[in-house]
């Protein structure tokens, strides 16, 4: 079957006929925080450190937002977390109503994925300063009414062997091949990482020593990704260590090859000699269907475009850098990739706030980098005045809040929160449902094509956040597009 590789959108839409906004600028936004955000459990001027994730937790077809919080930078200080439900394009604080209020934690990262195998996205919170990792299990629906979350940390997360639990990032993917998502936590204080293995029903045991050995060591692990980087069918771990060496690693990014059984210390690792890596993200930037990498360095950021892979041996690349991008030459933080201008390629946003160095209040500016379609990234606003999105954000997410097919932004700022609605953009062409021949016509062949691609976990069926997962959100996105009759 001949298939098109579709780019990835939220709810509906993908490729588009134009780039930029009607105003002639690349992308522009209006601040609609006052009408699109309702907070009750935290103040509007919330000054804590924040990390966020967007996911359709109640399966109503739009994205909700989870915010985890702690005292800023290198200081311990557990804080309560926040659940914002998308209610008609307004993010409403429903933290207590839906059971997301088990108590404060020193949270540094959060992911939302189905861990129990019931088709509903659960929440895993990565914590530091020896706070216990927290797991909220989605309770699904009863009689068509969503039941929210329950804290099932004690029941599902087994004891951690390593005593030093200062985790900064969590990666989620099935490393053993049993169809259930496992968890990998990066340690950032010269201790062991943590590999939690899922028994298939959402119960986890610490198998770090047996599956990773000394490869679990990290000096300053602030970022990781679990992905099949070499295309051999199993999920590899890509992690970093920085600031200082920790045997057997020097500073840099490392690929730990999965031997096919979920063990990572049976094959030699690969060292990617990034300068002083702090955060990184993998994405196909040049449209060749192979993952590339963007690395946030303490100095200048770098772009690694893949030239080839040898399974379980090497990932080969060329190294470049974003151009005309002065906002990416200092401390940086969280990353997101998104087709923000609806032109069919993936752009990137780079946060400016360091995890451990207190650089709020010094004029740090978030950067949006435009993709030229061939993997070249640049800042269209580099030489001009700052836009209203060039601001101090701990973290941020892209989601279409007003339903116009264009990406809006939820920002967790150094102080408070912002909701920015994209203006003057052209909505993407609705073609996510047109997967089967003849193209340009919606019929039963498109349903068959989607189900085939979904079952094989192919990119064409990965239609909704979180990308890299094939779950009920993708089914909802396909049915929504098919139901509108727009190819």
Protein backbone atom coordinates (compact mmCIF):
# COMPACT_ATOMS: atom_id res chain seq x y z
CA UNK A 1 0.00 0.00 0.00
CA UNK A 2 1.40 3.38 -0.97
CA UNK A 3 1.19 5.78 1.93
CA UNK A 4 1.97 9.40 2.54
CA UNK A 5 3.96 10.36 5.63
CA UNK A 6 1.83 12.96 7.34
CA UNK A 7 3.18 15.59 9.63
CA UNK A 8 1.81 15.68 13.13
CA UNK A 9 -0.84 17.98 14.50
CA UNK A 10 -3.22 18.26 17.40
CA UNK A 11 -6.83 17.11 17.00
CA UNK A 12 -7.02 18.07 13.31
CA UNK A 13 -4.73 19.28 10.63
CA UNK A 14 -1.27 18.90 9.29
CA UNK A 15 0.21 20.51 6.21
CA UNK A 16 -0.70 24.00 5.12
CA UNK A 17 -0.63 26.21 2.11
CA UNK A 18 1.09 29.22 3.63
CA UNK A 19 3.73 30.17 6.15
CA UNK A 20 3.40 32.89 8.73
CA UNK A 21 0.65 35.29 9.64
CA UNK A 22 -1.51 37.78 7.82
CA UNK A 23 0.44 40.61 9.43
CA UNK A 24 3.58 39.70 7.46
CA UNK A 25 5.44 38.57 10.56
CA UNK A 26 6.32 34.93 11.02
CA UNK A 27 4.05 34.05 13.96
CA UNK A 28 2.19 36.43 16.28
CA UNK A 29 0.17 35.98 19.45
CA UNK A 30 -2.36 37.80 21.61
CA UNK A 31 -2.18 37.48 25.38
CA UNK A 32 -5.57 36.08 26.45
CA UNK A 33 -4.55 34.87 29.90
CA UNK A 34 -7.36 36.76 31.61
CA UNK A 35 -10.13 34.98 29.69
CA UNK A 36 -8.53 31.57 29.15
CA UNK A 37 -7.04 30.65 32.54
CA UNK A 38 -8.82 30.17 35.86
CA UNK A 39 -6.60 29.40 38.86
CA UNK A 40 -7.82 28.53 42.35
CA UNK A 41 -5.16 26.30 43.95
CA UNK A 42 -2.16 28.54 43.20
CA UNK A 43 -1.82 32.33 42.95
CA UNK A 44 -1.76 34.06 39.59
CA UNK A 45 1.72 35.38 40.43
CA UNK A 46 3.02 31.90 41.30
CA UNK A 47 6.80 32.23 41.58
CA UNK A 48 7.76 28.56 41.91
CA UNK A 49 9.76 26.45 39.48
CA UNK A 50 7.36 24.71 37.09
CA UNK A 51 7.35 21.87 34.56
CA UNK A 52 4.34 21.01 32.45
CA UNK A 53 2.85 18.49 30.02
CA UNK A 54 -0.27 18.64 27.87
CA UNK A 55 -2.46 15.56 27.29
CA UNK A 56 -6.10 14.69 26.70
CA UNK A 57 -6.57 13.03 30.09
CA UNK A 58 -10.38 12.87 29.96
CA UNK A 59 -10.61 11.81 26.29
CA UNK A 60 -12.90 14.64 25.26
CA UNK A 61 -10.83 15.57 22.19
CA UNK A 62 -8.85 18.53 23.55
CA UNK A 63 -5.63 18.91 25.50
CA UNK A 64 -5.51 19.48 29.24
CA UNK A 65 -2.41 20.68 31.16
CA UNK A 66 -0.56 19.25 34.17
CA UNK A 67 1.77 21.58 36.10
CA UNK A 68 4.29 20.25 38.63
CA UNK A 69 6.09 22.65 40.98
CA UNK A 70 8.94 23.02 43.45
CA UNK A 71 11.02 25.74 45.04
CA UNK A 72 13.12 27.38 42.31
CA UNK A 73 16.53 26.17 41.22
CA UNK A 74 18.89 24.19 43.51
CA UNK A 75 16.81 24.57 46.64
CA UNK A 76 14.64 21.83 48.14
CA UNK A 77 11.07 22.90 48.72
CA UNK A 78 8.12 20.65 47.93
CA UNK A 79 5.10 22.34 46.38
CA UNK A 80 1.62 21.22 45.33
CA UNK A 81 0.91 20.40 41.70
CA UNK A 82 -1.91 21.67 39.46
CA UNK A 83 -4.37 20.07 37.04
CA UNK A 84 -5.87 22.42 34.43
CA UNK A 85 -8.79 20.98 32.48
CA UNK A 86 -9.61 22.35 29.04
CA UNK A 87 -13.23 23.44 29.21
CA UNK A 88 -14.28 25.00 25.93
CA UNK A 89 -10.89 26.59 25.35
CA UNK A 90 -10.47 27.78 28.94
CA UNK A 91 -7.93 26.09 31.24
CA UNK A 92 -9.73 25.65 34.55
CA UNK A 93 -8.05 24.59 37.81
CA UNK A 94 -9.66 21.25 38.78
CA UNK A 95 -6.83 19.97 40.96
CA UNK A 96 -8.89 18.86 43.95
CA UNK A 97 -12.01 17.93 42.00
CA UNK A 98 -10.20 15.21 40.04
CA UNK A 99 -7.91 13.81 42.72
CA UNK A 100 -4.62 15.47 41.74
CA UNK A 101 -3.92 16.65 45.28
CA UNK A 102 -2.02 13.92 47.13
CA UNK A 103 0.42 16.42 48.59
CA UNK A 104 3.49 18.47 47.80
CA UNK A 105 6.60 17.13 46.08
CA UNK A 106 9.93 18.42 44.77
CA UNK A 107 8.88 17.83 41.16
CA UNK A 108 11.34 18.33 38.29
CA UNK A 109 9.61 16.63 35.33
CA UNK A 110 6.26 15.11 34.40
CA UNK A 111 5.00 12.75 31.70
CA UNK A 112 1.49 11.60 30.86
CA UNK A 113 1.17 8.12 29.32
CA UNK A 114 -0.87 4.95 29.73
CA UNK A 115 1.13 2.90 32.22
CA UNK A 116 -1.55 0.40 33.27
CA UNK A 117 -2.69 -0.71 29.81
CA UNK A 118 -6.30 0.42 30.15
CA UNK A 119 -6.14 3.05 27.40
CA UNK A 120 -6.18 6.04 29.78
CA UNK A 121 -3.19 8.34 30.30
CA UNK A 122 -1.64 8.23 33.76
CA UNK A 123 0.71 10.83 35.30
CA UNK A 124 4.25 10.05 36.42
CA UNK A 125 6.05 12.79 38.35
CA UNK A 126 9.84 12.86 38.50
CA UNK A 127 10.97 14.18 41.89
CA UNK A 128 14.25 15.26 43.43
CA UNK A 129 15.78 15.87 46.87
CA UNK A 130 14.86 12.29 47.85
CA UNK A 131 11.12 12.87 47.56
CA UNK A 132 9.33 9.70 46.41
CA UNK A 133 8.40 9.51 42.75
CA UNK A 134 4.66 9.94 42.38
CA UNK A 135 2.23 8.01 40.17
CA UNK A 136 -1.36 9.12 39.57
CA UNK A 137 -3.50 6.51 37.83
CA UNK A 138 -6.29 7.65 35.53
CA UNK A 139 -9.59 6.19 36.75
CA UNK A 140 -11.28 6.32 33.34
CA UNK A 141 -15.02 6.64 32.91
CA UNK A 142 -18.07 5.27 34.69
CA UNK A 143 -21.32 5.75 32.83
CA UNK A 144 -19.65 8.20 30.47
CA UNK A 145 -18.40 10.40 33.33
CA UNK A 146 -14.65 10.80 33.74
CA UNK A 147 -13.51 9.88 37.26
CA UNK A 148 -10.20 11.75 37.49
CA UNK A 149 -7.00 10.43 39.11
CA UNK A 150 -5.99 8.44 42.16
CA UNK A 151 -2.57 8.47 43.83
CA UNK A 152 -1.40 4.84 43.53
CA UNK A 153 2.28 5.49 44.22
CA UNK A 154 2.57 3.15 47.20
CA UNK A 155 0.72 0.31 45.52
CA UNK A 156 2.51 0.38 42.16
CA UNK A 157 6.07 1.71 42.60
CA UNK A 158 8.45 -0.75 44.22
CA UNK A 159 11.32 0.29 46.47
CA UNK A 160 14.28 2.09 44.91
CA UNK A 161 17.60 0.39 45.63
CA UNK A 162 19.80 3.46 45.07
CA UNK A 163 19.80 5.73 48.11
CA UNK A 164 20.42 9.05 46.33
CA UNK A 165 17.20 10.01 44.57
CA UNK A 166 17.84 13.34 42.92
CA UNK A 167 16.11 12.89 39.60
CA UNK A 168 15.70 15.61 37.00
CA UNK A 169 14.10 13.89 33.99
CA UNK A 170 11.92 10.88 33.21
CA UNK A 171 11.71 8.99 29.91
CA UNK A 172 8.79 6.68 29.19
CA UNK A 173 8.81 3.79 26.71
CA UNK A 174 8.63 -0.02 26.51
CA UNK A 175 12.24 -1.21 26.72
CA UNK A 176 11.55 -4.90 27.39
CA UNK A 177 9.14 -5.53 24.52
CA UNK A 178 6.22 -6.70 26.66
CA UNK A 179 3.95 -3.91 25.39
CA UNK A 180 4.00 -1.91 28.64
CA UNK A 181 5.75 1.42 29.16
CA UNK A 182 8.81 1.40 31.44
CA UNK A 183 10.36 4.41 33.20
CA UNK A 184 13.91 5.78 33.15
CA UNK A 185 14.92 8.55 35.59
CA UNK A 186 18.11 10.60 35.19
CA UNK A 187 20.06 11.37 38.37
CA UNK A 188 21.81 14.74 38.51
CA UNK A 189 23.91 14.53 41.64
CA UNK A 190 26.60 12.01 40.82
CA UNK A 191 24.48 8.96 41.61
CA UNK A 192 22.67 6.18 39.85
CA UNK A 193 19.88 6.63 37.37
CA UNK A 194 16.75 4.54 37.90
CA UNK A 195 15.22 2.02 35.48
CA UNK A 196 11.74 0.98 36.59
CA UNK A 197 10.37 -2.05 34.69
CA UNK A 198 6.62 -2.43 34.17
CA UNK A 199 5.21 -5.91 34.75
CA UNK A 200 2.57 -5.27 32.08
CA UNK A 201 -0.19 -4.01 34.33
CA UNK A 202 1.35 -0.86 35.76
CA UNK A 203 3.37 -2.27 38.67
CA UNK A 204 7.07 -1.37 38.69
CA UNK A 205 10.29 -2.80 40.09
CA UNK A 206 13.76 -1.29 40.21
CA UNK A 207 15.90 -3.35 37.80
CA UNK A 208 18.64 -0.76 37.32
CA UNK A 209 21.56 -2.84 38.54
CA UNK A 210 20.69 -5.92 36.51
CA UNK A 211 19.90 -4.11 33.25
CA UNK A 212 22.32 -1.16 33.31
CA UNK A 213 25.21 -1.90 35.66
CA UNK A 214 27.72 0.97 35.69
CA UNK A 215 25.96 2.51 32.67
CA UNK A 216 23.44 3.92 35.16
CA UNK A 217 25.99 6.39 36.53
CA UNK A 218 25.32 10.07 35.85
CA UNK A 219 27.16 13.20 36.91
CA UNK A 220 24.51 15.78 36.14
CA UNK A 221 21.71 14.09 34.25
CA UNK A 222 19.13 16.70 33.31
CA UNK A 223 17.57 15.14 30.21
CA UNK A 224 16.87 11.77 28.60
CA UNK A 225 14.85 10.21 25.80
CA UNK A 226 13.88 6.58 25.19
CA UNK A 227 13.54 5.93 21.45
CA UNK A 228 14.48 3.39 18.78
CA UNK A 229 17.23 5.54 17.33
CA UNK A 230 18.75 2.82 15.14
CA UNK A 231 15.51 1.38 13.76
CA UNK A 232 16.13 -2.18 14.96
CA UNK A 233 12.78 -2.52 16.73
CA UNK A 234 13.85 -1.99 20.34
CA UNK A 235 13.97 1.18 22.40
CA UNK A 236 17.36 2.71 23.21
CA UNK A 237 18.17 5.17 26.00
CA UNK A 238 19.75 8.50 25.12
CA UNK A 239 20.91 10.45 28.14
CA UNK A 240 23.43 13.12 29.02
CA UNK A 241 25.92 13.91 31.70
CA UNK A 242 27.45 17.33 32.11
CA UNK A 243 29.41 19.67 34.41
CA UNK A 244 31.79 16.87 35.47
CA UNK A 245 32.74 13.31 34.55
CA UNK A 246 31.26 10.22 36.14
CA UNK A 247 32.90 6.91 35.17
CA UNK A 248 32.48 5.40 32.67
CA UNK A 249 31.19 8.66 31.17
CA UNK A 250 32.71 12.00 30.31
CA UNK A 251 30.61 15.07 29.64
CA UNK A 252 28.33 14.66 26.65
CA UNK A 253 25.29 12.85 25.28
CA UNK A 254 25.30 9.04 25.31
CA UNK A 255 23.42 6.38 23.39
CA UNK A 256 22.87 3.23 25.45
CA UNK A 257 21.94 0.47 23.01
CA UNK A 258 19.13 -1.92 23.90
CA UNK A 259 20.32 -5.49 23.28
CA UNK A 260 16.78 -6.51 22.35
CA UNK A 261 15.82 -7.77 25.78
CA UNK A 262 15.80 -4.50 27.70
CA UNK A 263 19.41 -4.75 28.92
CA UNK A 264 21.71 -1.81 28.22
CA UNK A 265 25.15 -2.86 29.50
CA UNK A 266 25.80 -5.72 27.08
CA UNK A 267 26.79 -3.45 24.16
CA UNK A 268 29.34 -0.60 24.05
CA UNK A 269 27.71 2.82 24.46
CA UNK A 270 28.23 5.67 22.00
CA UNK A 271 29.53 9.06 23.13
CA UNK A 272 28.11 12.11 21.32
CA UNK A 273 30.68 14.81 22.12
CA UNK A 274 28.35 17.70 22.81
CA UNK A 275 30.09 20.60 24.57
CA UNK A 276 28.18 21.18 27.81
CA UNK A 277 24.77 19.62 27.10
CA UNK A 278 21.91 20.54 29.34
CA UNK A 279 18.74 19.55 27.52
CA UNK A 280 18.13 17.82 24.21
CA UNK A 281 15.29 16.62 22.00
CA UNK A 282 15.00 14.24 19.05
CA UNK A 283 12.86 15.12 16.03
CA UNK A 284 12.95 14.75 12.24
CA UNK A 285 14.00 18.26 11.26
CA UNK A 286 14.88 17.71 7.58
CA UNK A 287 11.98 15.50 6.54
CA UNK A 288 13.92 12.32 5.77
CA UNK A 289 11.84 10.31 8.33
CA UNK A 290 14.98 9.79 10.49
CA UNK A 291 15.34 11.40 13.91
CA UNK A 292 17.78 14.28 14.34
CA UNK A 293 18.79 15.96 17.61
CA UNK A 294 18.81 19.49 19.02
CA UNK A 295 21.10 20.06 22.02
CA UNK A 296 20.90 22.96 24.44
CA UNK A 297 24.46 23.75 25.54
CA UNK A 298 25.57 26.09 28.28
CA UNK A 299 27.36 27.85 25.42
CA UNK A 300 25.96 27.76 21.88
CA UNK A 301 23.25 25.25 21.00
CA UNK A 302 23.90 22.59 18.34
CA UNK A 303 21.87 20.68 15.74
CA UNK A 304 22.81 17.09 14.88
CA UNK A 305 21.39 15.95 11.51
CA UNK A 306 21.48 12.19 11.05
CA UNK A 307 23.47 10.79 8.11
CA UNK A 308 23.02 7.10 8.91
CA UNK A 309 22.84 4.47 11.63
CA UNK A 310 24.38 1.08 12.24
CA UNK A 311 22.13 -0.99 14.50
CA UNK A 312 23.43 -1.33 18.05
CA UNK A 313 26.71 0.29 17.01
CA UNK A 314 26.62 3.89 15.85
CA UNK A 315 24.44 6.88 15.12
CA UNK A 316 26.17 9.07 12.52
CA UNK A 317 25.53 12.77 12.01
CA UNK A 318 26.73 16.18 10.93
CA UNK A 319 26.93 18.96 13.51
CA UNK A 320 25.58 22.43 12.86
CA UNK A 321 24.02 25.26 14.80
CA UNK A 322 20.97 27.50 14.57
CA UNK A 323 21.72 30.68 12.64
CA UNK A 324 20.80 34.24 13.60
CA UNK A 325 19.82 32.91 17.00
CA UNK A 326 21.46 34.96 19.73
CA UNK A 327 18.87 33.76 22.23
CA UNK A 328 20.34 30.24 22.01
CA UNK A 329 23.93 31.14 22.94
CA UNK A 330 23.56 31.16 26.73
CA UNK A 331 21.88 29.15 29.43
CA UNK A 332 18.83 27.28 28.20
CA UNK A 333 16.16 24.97 29.49
CA UNK A 334 13.15 23.02 28.32
CA UNK A 335 12.47 22.28 24.65
CA UNK A 336 9.40 21.66 22.51
CA UNK A 337 9.12 20.83 18.80
CA UNK A 338 5.99 21.81 16.91
CA UNK A 339 4.93 22.85 13.42
CA UNK A 340 4.01 26.27 14.69
CA UNK A 341 3.54 27.88 11.26
CA UNK A 342 1.65 24.95 9.65
CA UNK A 343 4.11 24.58 6.77
CA UNK A 344 4.72 20.85 7.23
CA UNK A 345 8.07 20.85 9.04
CA UNK A 346 8.95 20.88 12.71
CA UNK A 347 10.04 24.13 14.34
CA UNK A 348 11.48 24.33 17.83
CA UNK A 349 11.05 26.48 20.93
CA UNK A 350 13.91 26.80 23.42
CA UNK A 351 13.26 27.85 27.00
CA UNK A 352 15.70 30.27 28.65
CA UNK A 353 15.53 29.29 32.32
CA UNK A 354 18.28 27.13 33.79
CA UNK A 355 17.35 24.38 36.23
CA UNK A 356 19.98 25.18 38.84
CA UNK A 357 21.28 28.69 38.15
CA UNK A 358 18.89 31.43 39.24
CA UNK A 359 18.56 33.37 36.01
CA UNK A 360 14.98 34.56 36.41
CA UNK A 361 14.81 38.34 36.40
CA UNK A 362 17.91 38.87 34.25
CA UNK A 363 16.11 39.31 30.93
CA UNK A 364 16.43 35.71 29.70
CA UNK A 365 14.33 35.23 26.56
CA UNK A 366 12.63 32.17 25.13
CA UNK A 367 13.46 31.57 21.44
CA UNK A 368 11.33 30.27 18.55
CA UNK A 369 13.40 28.76 15.74
CA UNK A 370 11.93 28.47 12.27
CA UNK A 371 12.70 25.38 10.17
CA UNK A 372 13.54 26.04 6.51
CA UNK A 373 12.35 22.55 5.58
CA UNK A 374 15.83 21.10 5.27
CA UNK A 375 16.65 21.13 8.97
CA UNK A 376 18.07 24.66 9.03
CA UNK A 377 16.86 26.47 12.15
CA UNK A 378 16.96 30.24 12.64
CA UNK A 379 15.29 32.94 14.72
CA UNK A 380 13.28 35.30 12.45
CA UNK A 381 13.16 37.87 15.25
CA UNK A 382 16.82 37.74 16.20
CA UNK A 383 17.68 41.22 14.93
CA UNK A 384 14.44 42.93 15.87
CA UNK A 385 12.57 43.76 19.06
CA UNK A 386 11.45 40.94 21.33
CA UNK A 387 8.00 39.49 20.68
CA UNK A 388 5.57 38.79 23.51
CA UNK A 389 6.60 35.12 23.51
CA UNK A 390 10.30 35.98 24.02
CA UNK A 391 9.84 35.83 27.76
CA UNK A 392 11.06 34.11 30.92
CA UNK A 393 9.33 30.72 30.98
CA UNK A 394 10.33 27.75 33.11
CA UNK A 395 8.35 25.56 30.73
CA UNK A 396 5.67 25.79 28.03
CA UNK A 397 3.37 23.69 25.86
CA UNK A 398 1.73 24.10 22.47
CA UNK A 399 -1.96 23.34 22.09
CA UNK A 400 -4.84 24.62 19.97
CA UNK A 401 -7.05 26.23 22.58
CA UNK A 402 -9.44 28.17 20.35
CA UNK A 403 -9.96 25.41 17.80
CA UNK A 404 -8.75 27.32 14.75
CA UNK A 405 -6.15 24.72 13.75
CA UNK A 406 -3.21 26.89 14.83
CA UNK A 407 -0.90 26.31 17.77
CA UNK A 408 -1.36 28.45 20.88
CA UNK A 409 0.95 28.47 23.91
CA UNK A 410 0.56 27.88 27.62
CA UNK A 411 3.56 29.30 29.50
CA UNK A 412 4.64 28.64 33.08
CA UNK A 413 6.60 31.80 33.80
CA UNK A 414 9.19 32.74 36.38
CA UNK A 415 6.26 34.62 37.88
CA UNK A 416 2.79 33.42 37.04
CA UNK A 417 1.33 31.94 33.85
CA UNK A 418 0.40 33.14 30.38
CA UNK A 419 -1.91 31.93 27.62
CA UNK A 420 -0.95 33.20 24.17
CA UNK A 421 -3.36 32.70 21.25
CA UNK A 422 -1.86 32.67 17.77
CA UNK A 423 -3.29 35.34 15.49
CA UNK A 424 -3.51 35.86 11.76
CA UNK A 425 -2.46 32.34 10.84
CA UNK A 426 -3.86 30.05 8.19
CA UNK A 427 -5.31 26.83 9.52
CA UNK A 428 -3.76 23.62 8.25
CA UNK A 429 -5.37 21.64 5.48
CA UNK A 430 -7.45 18.88 7.00
CA UNK A 431 -5.86 15.73 5.60
CA UNK A 432 -5.20 13.50 8.57
CA UNK A 433 -8.05 11.16 7.68
CA UNK A 434 -7.07 10.77 4.01
CA UNK A 435 -4.69 7.84 4.47
CA UNK A 436 -5.84 5.35 1.81
CA UNK A 437 -6.10 5.48 -1.95
CA UNK A 438 -7.59 7.17 -3.82
CA UNK A 439 -6.22 10.28 -2.11
CA UNK A 440 -8.59 13.23 -2.02
CA UNK A 441 -11.54 11.01 -1.15
CA UNK A 442 -12.66 9.72 2.26
CA UNK A 443 -13.94 6.15 2.29
CA UNK A 444 -13.51 2.79 3.98
CA UNK A 445 -9.97 2.41 2.63
CA UNK A 446 -8.94 5.33 4.85
CA UNK A 447 -10.30 3.52 7.92
CA UNK A 448 -8.42 0.37 6.97
CA UNK A 449 -5.24 2.37 6.33
CA UNK A 450 -5.47 4.07 9.72
CA UNK A 451 -6.09 0.83 11.61
CA UNK A 452 -3.19 -0.83 9.81
CA UNK A 453 -0.84 2.05 10.54
CA UNK A 454 -2.06 2.29 14.14
CA UNK A 455 -1.48 -1.41 14.72
CA UNK A 456 2.03 -1.14 13.30
CA UNK A 457 2.73 2.08 15.26
CA UNK A 458 3.60 3.97 12.08
CA UNK A 459 3.99 7.79 11.96
CA UNK A 460 0.86 8.26 9.81
CA UNK A 461 -1.32 7.08 12.71
CA UNK A 462 0.43 9.18 15.38
CA UNK A 463 -2.01 12.08 15.15
CA UNK A 464 -2.25 13.49 18.67
CA UNK A 465 -0.09 14.41 21.62
CA UNK A 466 1.88 12.88 23.23
CA UNK A 467 3.73 12.10 19.99
CA UNK A 468 5.65 8.85 19.90
CA UNK A 469 2.72 7.01 21.45
CA UNK A 470 -0.18 5.28 19.72
CA UNK A 471 -3.21 5.46 21.97
CA UNK A 472 -6.84 6.49 22.23
CA UNK A 473 -6.03 10.13 21.52
CA UNK A 474 -4.87 9.17 18.02
CA UNK A 475 -8.12 7.25 17.42
CA UNK A 476 -10.15 10.28 18.54
CA UNK A 477 -8.13 12.54 16.23
CA UNK A 478 -8.68 10.25 13.24
CA UNK A 479 -12.40 9.85 13.87
CA UNK A 480 -12.76 13.59 14.32
CA UNK A 481 -11.09 14.29 10.99
CA UNK A 482 -12.97 11.52 9.20
CA UNK A 483 -16.29 12.64 10.68
CA UNK A 484 -15.90 16.18 9.37
CA UNK A 485 -15.54 14.79 5.86
CA UNK A 486 -12.41 16.80 5.20
CA UNK A 487 -9.55 14.98 3.52
